[in-house]
Amino acid sequence: MIFTNFREIDKAGRIVISKDIRRHLNIQAGDILQINADDECITIKKAEPKCVFCNALENLTEFEEKYICSDCLAKLRS
């Protein structure tokens, strides 16, 4: 399903993402979004949790709202 919205940018440079789109993508208040831009396009997607040290996406442990992979956690312990 494709959702299309037209939104005006406010004076602070913000846009509102519609409730339909947030619900479809399971985006909640406080979630981190990844914003990419090229010469003609802006892409916004829900950011995947990743290790704060090596950017690994697997075997993550959450600590104080940050993620650490098992390899980096083992290095910290040693």
PDB file of N, CA and C in Angstrom:
ATOM      1  N   MET A   1       0.839  -1.171   0.000  1.00  0.00           N
ATOM      2  CA  MET A   1       0.000   0.000   0.000  1.00  0.00           C
ATOM      3  C   MET A   1       0.893   1.246   0.000  1.00  0.00           C
ATOM      4  N   ILE A   2       0.555   2.207  -0.805  1.00  0.00           N
ATOM      5  CA  ILE A   2       1.307   3.457  -0.894  1.00  0.00           C
ATOM      6  C   ILE A   2       0.490   4.574  -0.261  1.00  0.00           C
ATOM      7  N   PHE A   3       1.121   5.324   0.606  1.00  0.00           N
ATOM      8  CA  PHE A   3       0.494   6.484   1.223  1.00  0.00           C
ATOM      9  C   PHE A   3       1.117   7.736   0.629  1.00  0.00           C
ATOM     10  N   THR A   4       0.313   8.699   0.273  1.00  0.00           N
ATOM     11  CA  THR A   4       0.802   9.978  -0.236  1.00  0.00           C
ATOM     12  C   THR A   4       0.144  11.096   0.564  1.00  0.00           C
ATOM     13  N   ASN A   5       0.970  11.970   1.113  1.00  0.00           N
ATOM     14  CA  ASN A   5       0.492  13.148   1.837  1.00  0.00           C
ATOM     15  C   ASN A   5       1.232  14.358   1.313  1.00  0.00           C
ATOM     16  N   PHE A   6       0.594  15.493   1.405  1.00  0.00           N
ATOM     17  CA  PHE A   6       1.249  16.759   1.104  1.00  0.00           C
ATOM     18  C   PHE A   6       1.253  17.563   2.395  1.00  0.00           C
ATOM     19  N   ARG A   7       2.412  18.012   2.816  1.00  0.00           N
ATOM     20  CA  ARG A   7       2.542  18.741   4.066  1.00  0.00           C
ATOM     21  C   ARG A   7       3.381  19.996   3.846  1.00  0.00           C
ATOM     22  N   GLU A   8       3.029  21.036   4.564  1.00  0.00           N
ATOM     23  CA  GLU A   8       3.787  22.284   4.533  1.00  0.00           C
ATOM     24  C   GLU A   8       4.850  22.230   5.629  1.00  0.00           C
ATOM     25  N   ILE A   9       6.021  22.734   5.316  1.00  0.00           N
ATOM     26  CA  ILE A   9       7.084  22.843   6.305  1.00  0.00           C
ATOM     27  C   ILE A   9       6.807  24.074   7.152  1.00  0.00           C
ATOM     28  N   ASP A  10       6.842  23.920   8.492  1.00  0.00           N
ATOM     29  CA  ASP A  10       6.571  25.076   9.346  1.00  0.00           C
ATOM     30  C   ASP A  10       7.816  25.959   9.469  1.00  0.00           C
ATOM     31  N   LYS A  11       7.683  27.051  10.198  1.00  0.00           N
ATOM     32  CA  LYS A  11       8.781  28.021  10.316  1.00  0.00           C
ATOM     33  C   LYS A  11      10.031  27.438  10.966  1.00  0.00           C
ATOM     34  N   ALA A  12       9.860  26.397  11.759  1.00  0.00           N
ATOM     35  CA  ALA A  12      10.999  25.745  12.414  1.00  0.00           C
ATOM     36  C   ALA A  12      11.596  24.635  11.549  1.00  0.00           C
ATOM     37  N   GLY A  13      11.055  24.428  10.332  1.00  0.00           N
ATOM     38  CA  GLY A  13      11.575  23.414   9.422  1.00  0.00           C
ATOM     39  C   GLY A  13      11.012  22.027   9.659  1.00  0.00           C
ATOM     40  N   ARG A  14       9.906  21.927  10.372  1.00  0.00           N
ATOM     41  CA  ARG A  14       9.324  20.631  10.702  1.00  0.00           C
ATOM     42  C   ARG A  14       8.185  20.277   9.758  1.00  0.00           C
ATOM     43  N   ILE A  15       7.967  18.970   9.642  1.00  0.00           N
ATOM     44  CA  ILE A  15       6.788  18.462   8.942  1.00  0.00           C
ATOM     45  C   ILE A  15       6.084  17.480   9.867  1.00  0.00           C
ATOM     46  N   VAL A  16       4.819  17.259   9.627  1.00  0.00           N
ATOM     47  CA  VAL A  16       4.047  16.290  10.396  1.00  0.00           C
ATOM     48  C   VAL A  16       3.888  15.032   9.549  1.00  0.00           C
ATOM     49  N   ILE A  17       4.183  13.883  10.138  1.00  0.00           N
ATOM     50  CA  ILE A  17       3.952  12.597   9.476  1.00  0.00           C
ATOM     51  C   ILE A  17       2.575  12.121   9.921  1.00  0.00           C
ATOM     52  N   SER A  18       1.716  11.867   8.975  1.00  0.00           N
ATOM     53  CA  SER A  18       0.322  11.545   9.291  1.00  0.00           C
ATOM     54  C   SER A  18       0.205  10.294  10.156  1.00  0.00           C
ATOM     55  N   LYS A  19      -0.890  10.244  10.902  1.00  0.00           N
ATOM     56  CA  LYS A  19      -1.165   9.112  11.773  1.00  0.00           C
ATOM     57  C   LYS A  19      -1.252   7.812  10.983  1.00  0.00           C
ATOM     58  N   ASP A  20      -1.835   7.867   9.776  1.00  0.00           N
ATOM     59  CA  ASP A  20      -1.936   6.665   8.931  1.00  0.00           C
ATOM     60  C   ASP A  20      -0.562   6.085   8.625  1.00  0.00           C
ATOM     61  N   ILE A  21       0.370   6.942   8.252  1.00  0.00           N
ATOM     62  CA  ILE A  21       1.722   6.485   7.910  1.00  0.00           C
ATOM     63  C   ILE A  21       2.445   5.997   9.152  1.00  0.00           C
ATOM     64  N   ARG A  22       2.339   6.735  10.257  1.00  0.00           N
ATOM     65  CA  ARG A  22       2.994   6.303  11.502  1.00  0.00           C
ATOM     66  C   ARG A  22       2.469   4.944  11.951  1.00  0.00           C
ATOM     67  N   ARG A  23       1.171   4.745  11.854  1.00  0.00           N
ATOM     68  CA  ARG A  23       0.582   3.463  12.244  1.00  0.00           C
ATOM     69  C   ARG A  23       1.069   2.349  11.311  1.00  0.00           C
ATOM     70  N   HIS A  24       1.070   2.598  10.009  1.00  0.00           N
ATOM     71  CA  HIS A  24       1.500   1.604   9.021  1.00  0.00           C
ATOM     72  C   HIS A  24       2.948   1.175   9.253  1.00  0.00           C
ATOM     73  N   LEU A  25       3.808   2.116   9.615  1.00  0.00           N
ATOM     74  CA  LEU A  25       5.228   1.828   9.815  1.00  0.00           C
ATOM     75  C   LEU A  25       5.594   1.570  11.275  1.00  0.00           C
ATOM     76  N   ASN A  26       4.571   1.547  12.148  1.00  0.00           N
ATOM     77  CA  ASN A  26       4.786   1.333  13.579  1.00  0.00           C
ATOM     78  C   ASN A  26       5.803   2.338  14.148  1.00  0.00           C
ATOM     79  N   ILE A  27       5.597   3.598  13.839  1.00  0.00           N
ATOM     80  CA  ILE A  27       6.452   4.664  14.356  1.00  0.00           C
ATOM     81  C   ILE A  27       5.745   5.285  15.554  1.00  0.00           C
ATOM     82  N   GLN A  28       6.447   5.296  16.689  1.00  0.00           N
ATOM     83  CA  GLN A  28       5.906   5.822  17.939  1.00  0.00           C
ATOM     84  C   GLN A  28       6.677   7.081  18.336  1.00  0.00           C
ATOM     85  N   ALA A  29       6.065   7.883  19.196  1.00  0.00           N
ATOM     86  CA  ALA A  29       6.762   9.049  19.746  1.00  0.00           C
ATOM     87  C   ALA A  29       8.052   8.581  20.404  1.00  0.00           C
ATOM     88  N   GLY A  30       9.146   9.261  20.127  1.00  0.00           N
ATOM     89  CA  GLY A  30      10.445   8.900  20.689  1.00  0.00           C
ATOM     90  C   GLY A  30      11.281   7.995  19.802  1.00  0.00           C
ATOM     91  N   ASP A  31      10.682   7.386  18.765  1.00  0.00           N
ATOM     92  CA  ASP A  31      11.460   6.554  17.840  1.00  0.00           C
ATOM     93  C   ASP A  31      12.460   7.421  17.077  1.00  0.00           C
ATOM     94  N   ILE A  32      13.562   6.812  16.694  1.00  0.00           N
ATOM     95  CA  ILE A  32      14.593   7.496  15.909  1.00  0.00           C
ATOM     96  C   ILE A  32      14.328   7.217  14.434  1.00  0.00           C
ATOM     97  N   LEU A  33      14.368   8.270  13.616  1.00  0.00           N
ATOM     98  CA  LEU A  33      14.199   8.132  12.168  1.00  0.00           C
ATOM     99  C   LEU A  33      15.506   8.451  11.473  1.00  0.00           C
ATOM    100  N   GLN A  34      15.784   7.725  10.416  1.00  0.00           N
ATOM    101  CA  GLN A  34      16.967   7.973   9.584  1.00  0.00           C
ATOM    102  C   GLN A  34      16.523   8.808   8.400  1.00  0.00           C
ATOM    103  N   ILE A  35      17.191   9.934   8.173  1.00  0.00           N
ATOM    104  CA  ILE A  35      16.841  10.835   7.078  1.00  0.00           C
ATOM    105  C   ILE A  35      18.019  10.899   6.113  1.00  0.00           C
ATOM    106  N   ASN A  36      17.776  10.537   4.850  1.00  0.00           N
ATOM    107  CA  ASN A  36      18.793  10.576   3.805  1.00  0.00           C
ATOM    108  C   ASN A  36      18.341  11.544   2.720  1.00  0.00           C
ATOM    109  N   ALA A  37      19.293  12.192   2.081  1.00  0.00           N
ATOM    110  CA  ALA A  37      18.964  13.111   0.991  1.00  0.00           C
ATOM    111  C   ALA A  37      19.983  12.971  -0.116  1.00  0.00           C
ATOM    112  N   ASP A  38      19.499  13.055  -1.360  1.00  0.00           N
ATOM    113  CA  ASP A  38      20.394  13.168  -2.512  1.00  0.00           C
ATOM    114  C   ASP A  38      20.024  14.457  -3.224  1.00  0.00           C
ATOM    115  N   ASP A  39      20.372  14.590  -4.469  1.00  0.00           N
ATOM    116  CA  ASP A  39      20.127  15.838  -5.186  1.00  0.00           C
ATOM    117  C   ASP A  39      18.645  16.155  -5.379  1.00  0.00           C
ATOM    118  N   GLU A  40      17.788  15.133  -5.383  1.00  0.00           N
ATOM    119  CA  GLU A  40      16.381  15.361  -5.701  1.00  0.00           C
ATOM    120  C   GLU A  40      15.394  14.768  -4.711  1.00  0.00           C
ATOM    121  N   CYS A  41      15.846  13.993  -3.740  1.00  0.00           N
ATOM    122  CA  CYS A  41      14.918  13.210  -2.948  1.00  0.00           C
ATOM    123  C   CYS A  41      15.337  13.167  -1.473  1.00  0.00           C
ATOM    124  N   ILE A  42      14.354  13.206  -0.591  1.00  0.00           N
ATOM    125  CA  ILE A  42      14.564  12.987   0.835  1.00  0.00           C
ATOM    126  C   ILE A  42      13.872  11.677   1.185  1.00  0.00           C
ATOM    127  N   THR A  43      14.577  10.786   1.875  1.00  0.00           N
ATOM    128  CA  THR A  43      14.017   9.517   2.307  1.00  0.00           C
ATOM    129  C   THR A  43      14.044   9.483   3.828  1.00  0.00           C
ATOM    130  N   ILE A  44      12.906   9.137   4.419  1.00  0.00           N
ATOM    131  CA  ILE A  44      12.807   9.025   5.870  1.00  0.00           C
ATOM    132  C   ILE A  44      12.359   7.608   6.182  1.00  0.00           C
ATOM    133  N   LYS A  45      13.098   6.928   7.061  1.00  0.00           N
ATOM    134  CA  LYS A  45      12.692   5.588   7.470  1.00  0.00           C
ATOM    135  C   LYS A  45      13.021   5.386   8.940  1.00  0.00           C
ATOM    136  N   LYS A  46      12.339   4.443   9.530  1.00  0.00           N
ATOM    137  CA  LYS A  46      12.580   4.127  10.928  1.00  0.00           C
ATOM    138  C   LYS A  46      13.979   3.532  11.053  1.00  0.00           C
ATOM    139  N   ALA A  47      14.768   4.084  11.947  1.00  0.00           N
ATOM    140  CA  ALA A  47      16.147   3.621  12.115  1.00  0.00           C
ATOM    141  C   ALA A  47      16.163   2.262  12.809  1.00  0.00           C
ATOM    142  N   GLU A  48      17.063   1.418  12.387  1.00  0.00           N
ATOM    143  CA  GLU A  48      17.245   0.127  13.025  1.00  0.00           C
ATOM    144  C   GLU A  48      18.191   0.304  14.204  1.00  0.00           C
ATOM    145  N   PRO A  49      17.926  -0.373  15.317  1.00  0.00           N
ATOM    146  CA  PRO A  49      18.884  -0.314  16.414  1.00  0.00           C
ATOM    147  C   PRO A  49      20.207  -0.924  15.966  1.00  0.00           C
ATOM    148  N   LYS A  50      21.312  -0.300  16.357  1.00  0.00           N
ATOM    149  CA  LYS A  50      22.628  -0.837  16.012  1.00  0.00           C
ATOM    150  C   LYS A  50      23.615  -0.518  17.115  1.00  0.00           C
ATOM    151  N   CYS A  51      24.681  -1.245  17.152  1.00  0.00           N
ATOM    152  CA  CYS A  51      25.708  -1.094  18.173  1.00  0.00           C
ATOM    153  C   CYS A  51      26.320   0.309  18.089  1.00  0.00           C
ATOM    154  N   VAL A  52      26.439   0.975  19.232  1.00  0.00           N
ATOM    155  CA  VAL A  52      26.996   2.326  19.253  1.00  0.00           C
ATOM    156  C   VAL A  52      28.481   2.342  18.919  1.00  0.00           C
ATOM    157  N   PHE A  53      29.149   1.198  19.029  1.00  0.00           N
ATOM    158  CA  PHE A  53      30.582   1.141  18.759  1.00  0.00           C
ATOM    159  C   PHE A  53      30.920   0.703  17.339  1.00  0.00           C
ATOM    160  N   CYS A  54      30.253  -0.353  16.842  1.00  0.00           N
ATOM    161  CA  CYS A  54      30.652  -0.923  15.544  1.00  0.00           C
ATOM    162  C   CYS A  54      29.528  -0.947  14.506  1.00  0.00           C
ATOM    163  N   ASN A  55      28.343  -0.471  14.875  1.00  0.00           N
ATOM    164  CA  ASN A  55      27.174  -0.435  13.984  1.00  0.00           C
ATOM    165  C   ASN A  55      26.609  -1.803  13.620  1.00  0.00           C
ATOM    166  N   ALA A  56      26.953  -2.841  14.370  1.00  0.00           N
ATOM    167  CA  ALA A  56      26.374  -4.168  14.135  1.00  0.00           C
ATOM    168  C   ALA A  56      24.871  -4.111  14.372  1.00  0.00           C
ATOM    169  N   LEU A  57      24.137  -4.940  13.630  1.00  0.00           N
ATOM    170  CA  LEU A  57      22.679  -4.965  13.727  1.00  0.00           C
ATOM    171  C   LEU A  57      22.149  -6.193  14.466  1.00  0.00           C
ATOM    172  N   GLU A  58      23.028  -7.127  14.810  1.00  0.00           N
ATOM    173  CA  GLU A  58      22.601  -8.384  15.418  1.00  0.00           C
ATOM    174  C   GLU A  58      23.195  -8.553  16.806  1.00  0.00           C
ATOM    175  N   ASN A  59      22.545  -9.407  17.605  1.00  0.00           N
ATOM    176  CA  ASN A  59      23.008  -9.749  18.954  1.00  0.00           C
ATOM    177  C   ASN A  59      23.205  -8.512  19.820  1.00  0.00           C
ATOM    178  N   LEU A  60      22.168  -7.674  19.878  1.00  0.00           N
ATOM    179  CA  LEU A  60      22.252  -6.410  20.599  1.00  0.00           C
ATOM    180  C   LEU A  60      21.669  -6.514  22.002  1.00  0.00           C
ATOM    181  N   THR A  61      22.289  -5.790  22.911  1.00  0.00           N
ATOM    182  CA  THR A  61      21.802  -5.635  24.274  1.00  0.00           C
ATOM    183  C   THR A  61      21.562  -4.154  24.493  1.00  0.00           C
ATOM    184  N   GLU A  62      20.398  -3.817  25.057  1.00  0.00           N
ATOM    185  CA  GLU A  62      20.097  -2.410  25.302  1.00  0.00           C
ATOM    186  C   GLU A  62      20.646  -2.009  26.669  1.00  0.00           C
ATOM    187  N   PHE A  63      21.314  -0.863  26.711  1.00  0.00           N
ATOM    188  CA  PHE A  63      21.840  -0.314  27.958  1.00  0.00           C
ATOM    189  C   PHE A  63      21.627   1.188  27.946  1.00  0.00           C
ATOM    190  N   GLU A  64      20.804   1.693  28.854  1.00  0.00           N
ATOM    191  CA  GLU A  64      20.507   3.119  28.972  1.00  0.00           C
ATOM    192  C   GLU A  64      20.145   3.751  27.619  1.00  0.00           C
ATOM    193  N   GLU A  65      19.200   3.087  26.929  1.00  0.00           N
ATOM    194  CA  GLU A  65      18.664   3.545  25.646  1.00  0.00           C
ATOM    195  C   GLU A  65      19.682   3.522  24.504  1.00  0.00           C
ATOM    196  N   LYS A  66      20.784   2.814  24.694  1.00  0.00           N
ATOM    197  CA  LYS A  66      21.789   2.590  23.644  1.00  0.00           C
ATOM    198  C   LYS A  66      21.914   1.089  23.450  1.00  0.00           C
ATOM    199  N   TYR A  67      22.456   0.688  22.307  1.00  0.00           N
ATOM    200  CA  TYR A  67      22.614  -0.730  22.009  1.00  0.00           C
ATOM    201  C   TYR A  67      24.089  -1.080  21.871  1.00  0.00           C
ATOM    202  N   ILE A  68      24.459  -2.258  22.407  1.00  0.00           N
ATOM    203  CA  ILE A  68      25.830  -2.765  22.336  1.00  0.00           C
ATOM    204  C   ILE A  68      25.749  -4.207  21.860  1.00  0.00           C
ATOM    205  N   CYS A  69      26.539  -4.548  20.840  1.00  0.00           N
ATOM    206  CA  CYS A  69      26.524  -5.927  20.340  1.00  0.00           C
ATOM    207  C   CYS A  69      27.317  -6.828  21.289  1.00  0.00           C
ATOM    208  N   SER A  70      27.118  -8.122  21.156  1.00  0.00           N
ATOM    209  CA  SER A  70      27.771  -9.080  22.061  1.00  0.00           C
ATOM    210  C   SER A  70      29.289  -9.039  21.931  1.00  0.00           C
ATOM    211  N   ASP A  71      29.808  -8.808  20.725  1.00  0.00           N
ATOM    212  CA  ASP A  71      31.270  -8.735  20.560  1.00  0.00           C
ATOM    213  C   ASP A  71      31.861  -7.534  21.293  1.00  0.00           C
ATOM    214  N   CYS A  72      31.237  -6.368  21.144  1.00  0.00           N
ATOM    215  CA  CYS A  72      31.734  -5.168  21.820  1.00  0.00           C
ATOM    216  C   CYS A  72      31.551  -5.279  23.325  1.00  0.00           C
ATOM    217  N   LEU A  73      30.459  -5.909  23.755  1.00  0.00           N
ATOM    218  CA  LEU A  73      30.230  -6.102  25.170  1.00  0.00           C
ATOM    219  C   LEU A  73      31.317  -6.991  25.762  1.00  0.00           C
ATOM    220  N   ALA A  74      31.705  -8.034  25.030  1.00  0.00           N
ATOM    221  CA  ALA A  74      32.780  -8.925  25.502  1.00  0.00           C
ATOM    222  C   ALA A  74      34.107  -8.156  25.596  1.00  0.00           C
ATOM    223  N   LYS A  75      34.377  -7.280  24.641  1.00  0.00           N
ATOM    224  CA  LYS A  75      35.603  -6.485  24.673  1.00  0.00           C
ATOM    225  C   LYS A  75      35.596  -5.530  25.868  1.00  0.00           C
ATOM    226  N   LEU A  76      34.427  -4.952  26.175  1.00  0.00           N
ATOM    227  CA  LEU A  76      34.336  -4.057  27.331  1.00  0.00           C
ATOM    228  C   LEU A  76      34.566  -4.791  28.636  1.00  0.00           C
ATOM    229  N   ARG A  77      34.117  -6.025  28.694  1.00  0.00           N
ATOM    230  CA  ARG A  77      34.273  -6.818  29.917  1.00  0.00           C
ATOM    231  C   ARG A  77      35.720  -7.250  30.150  1.00  0.00           C
ATOM    232  N   SER A  78      36.503  -7.362  29.099  1.00  0.00           N
ATOM    233  CA  SER A  78      37.892  -7.858  29.247  1.00  0.00           C
ATOM    234  C   SER A  78      38.873  -6.738  29.492  1.00  0.00           C
TER     235      SER A  78
END
